Amino acid sequence: MKKQKKPVSIVASEMAADALQITDRKSLTSLAVTAKAAQRAYEKAGVTPKDIAVAEVHVCFSIAEILAVEDL
C-alpha cells in the first residue's frame, strides 16, 4: 500500500441528540440531528459538504447509515 504524503486532519467534530423512540421523531426518513451536528461541524471547520472527501458514520443498522450519509 502506498503511503500518502498529505496527512488527514480532523478539523471539527460535533454531536447532537434526538428522541430515543423513532415514533417520537418528526421524520422517519431523515435524521435531523445528523444534519444539525453536520452543519455545526461544517461551520466550525469553515467548509461545505462539497469539501468533504471521506466521512465516518456510526452504523447501528444498514438504513441508519444511508439516512446519515444523505443528511450529511
C-alpha atoms as a PDB file:
ATOM      1  CA  MET A   1       0.000   0.000   0.000  1.00  0.00           C
ATOM      2  CA  LYS A   2       1.369   3.396  -0.978  1.00  0.00           C
ATOM      3  CA  LYS A   3       1.816   5.858   1.885  1.00  0.00           C
ATOM      4  CA  GLN A   4       0.079   9.185   1.373  1.00  0.00           C
ATOM      5  CA  LYS A   5       2.193  12.311   1.701  1.00  0.00           C
ATOM      6  CA  LYS A   6      -0.676  14.560   2.760  1.00  0.00           C
ATOM      7  CA  PRO A   7      -1.983  13.756   6.257  1.00  0.00           C
ATOM      8  CA  VAL A   8      -5.662  13.560   7.093  1.00  0.00           C
ATOM      9  CA  SER A   9      -6.817  16.227   9.543  1.00  0.00           C
ATOM     10  CA  ILE A  10      -9.874  16.216  11.767  1.00  0.00           C
ATOM     11  CA  VAL A  11     -10.783  19.890  11.947  1.00  0.00           C
ATOM     12  CA  ALA A  12     -14.169  19.631  13.661  1.00  0.00           C
ATOM     13  CA  SER A  13     -16.396  17.136  15.421  1.00  0.00           C
ATOM     14  CA  GLU A  14     -19.932  17.661  16.696  1.00  0.00           C
ATOM     15  CA  MET A  15     -22.699  15.681  18.372  1.00  0.00           C
ATOM     16  CA  ALA A  16     -26.449  16.078  18.699  1.00  0.00           C
ATOM     17  CA  ALA A  17     -29.208  14.013  20.290  1.00  0.00           C
ATOM     18  CA  ASP A  18     -32.813  13.233  19.456  1.00  0.00           C
ATOM     19  CA  ALA A  19     -35.702  11.254  20.908  1.00  0.00           C
ATOM     20  CA  LEU A  20     -34.850   7.627  21.520  1.00  0.00           C
ATOM     21  CA  GLN A  21     -38.174   6.356  20.184  1.00  0.00           C
ATOM     22  CA  ILE A  22     -38.403   6.661  16.412  1.00  0.00           C
ATOM     23  CA  THR A  23     -42.139   7.299  16.752  1.00  0.00           C
ATOM     24  CA  ASP A  24     -41.333  10.486  18.709  1.00  0.00           C
ATOM     25  CA  ARG A  25     -39.290  11.933  15.849  1.00  0.00           C
ATOM     26  CA  LYS A  26     -40.628  14.364  13.235  1.00  0.00           C
ATOM     27  CA  SER A  27     -39.460  12.227  10.291  1.00  0.00           C
ATOM     28  CA  LEU A  28     -38.922   8.543   9.665  1.00  0.00           C
ATOM     29  CA  THR A  29     -36.738   9.184   6.603  1.00  0.00           C
ATOM     30  CA  SER A  30     -34.297  11.742   7.936  1.00  0.00           C
ATOM     31  CA  LEU A  31     -32.010  12.108  10.934  1.00  0.00           C
ATOM     32  CA  ALA A  32     -32.440  15.776  11.794  1.00  0.00           C
ATOM     33  CA  VAL A  33     -29.744  15.601  14.456  1.00  0.00           C
ATOM     34  CA  THR A  34     -27.239  14.383  11.883  1.00  0.00           C
ATOM     35  CA  ALA A  35     -27.952  17.437   9.745  1.00  0.00           C
ATOM     36  CA  LYS A  36     -27.773  19.693  12.828  1.00  0.00           C
ATOM     37  CA  ALA A  37     -24.440  18.301  14.013  1.00  0.00           C
ATOM     38  CA  ALA A  38     -23.036  18.331  10.475  1.00  0.00           C
ATOM     39  CA  GLN A  39     -23.994  21.969   9.952  1.00  0.00           C
ATOM     40  CA  ARG A  40     -22.250  22.955  13.188  1.00  0.00           C
ATOM     41  CA  ALA A  41     -19.142  20.972  12.217  1.00  0.00           C
ATOM     42  CA  TYR A  42     -19.067  22.492   8.721  1.00  0.00           C
ATOM     43  CA  GLU A  43     -19.299  25.985  10.216  1.00  0.00           C
ATOM     44  CA  LYS A  44     -16.631  25.264  12.837  1.00  0.00           C
ATOM     45  CA  ALA A  45     -14.278  23.851  10.186  1.00  0.00           C
ATOM     46  CA  GLY A  46     -15.053  26.538   7.614  1.00  0.00           C
ATOM     47  CA  VAL A  47     -16.027  24.012   4.932  1.00  0.00           C
ATOM     48  CA  THR A  48     -19.083  22.856   2.999  1.00  0.00           C
ATOM     49  CA  PRO A  49     -20.256  19.310   2.226  1.00  0.00           C
ATOM     50  CA  LYS A  50     -18.555  19.588  -1.185  1.00  0.00           C
ATOM     51  CA  ASP A  51     -15.198  19.928   0.577  1.00  0.00           C
ATOM     52  CA  ILE A  52     -15.510  16.554   2.339  1.00  0.00           C
ATOM     53  CA  ALA A  53     -13.791  13.572   0.718  1.00  0.00           C
ATOM     54  CA  VAL A  54     -14.228  10.983   3.499  1.00  0.00           C
ATOM     55  CA  ALA A  55     -16.709  10.678   6.360  1.00  0.00           C
ATOM     56  CA  GLU A  56     -17.015   8.106   9.110  1.00  0.00           C
ATOM     57  CA  VAL A  57     -20.535   7.409  10.343  1.00  0.00           C
ATOM     58  CA  HIS A  58     -21.807   5.152  13.104  1.00  0.00           C
ATOM     59  CA  VAL A  59     -23.740   2.210  11.679  1.00  0.00           C
ATOM     60  CA  CYS A  60     -26.109   0.603  14.159  1.00  0.00           C
ATOM     61  CA  PHE A  61     -28.054  -0.923  11.241  1.00  0.00           C
ATOM     62  CA  SER A  62     -27.928  -0.513   7.464  1.00  0.00           C
ATOM     63  CA  ILE A  63     -30.728   2.031   6.956  1.00  0.00           C
ATOM     64  CA  ALA A  64     -29.177   4.317   9.592  1.00  0.00           C
ATOM     65  CA  GLU A  65     -26.005   4.628   7.509  1.00  0.00           C
ATOM     66  CA  ILE A  66     -27.995   5.544   4.405  1.00  0.00           C
ATOM     67  CA  LEU A  67     -30.041   8.166   6.290  1.00  0.00           C
ATOM     68  CA  ALA A  68     -26.953   9.610   7.978  1.00  0.00           C
ATOM     69  CA  VAL A  69     -24.992   9.943   4.742  1.00  0.00           C
ATOM     70  CA  GLU A  70     -27.949  11.587   2.997  1.00  0.00           C
ATOM     71  CA  ASP A  71     -28.359  14.070   5.851  1.00  0.00           C
ATOM     72  CA  LEU A  72     -24.657  14.917   5.868  1.00  0.00           C
END
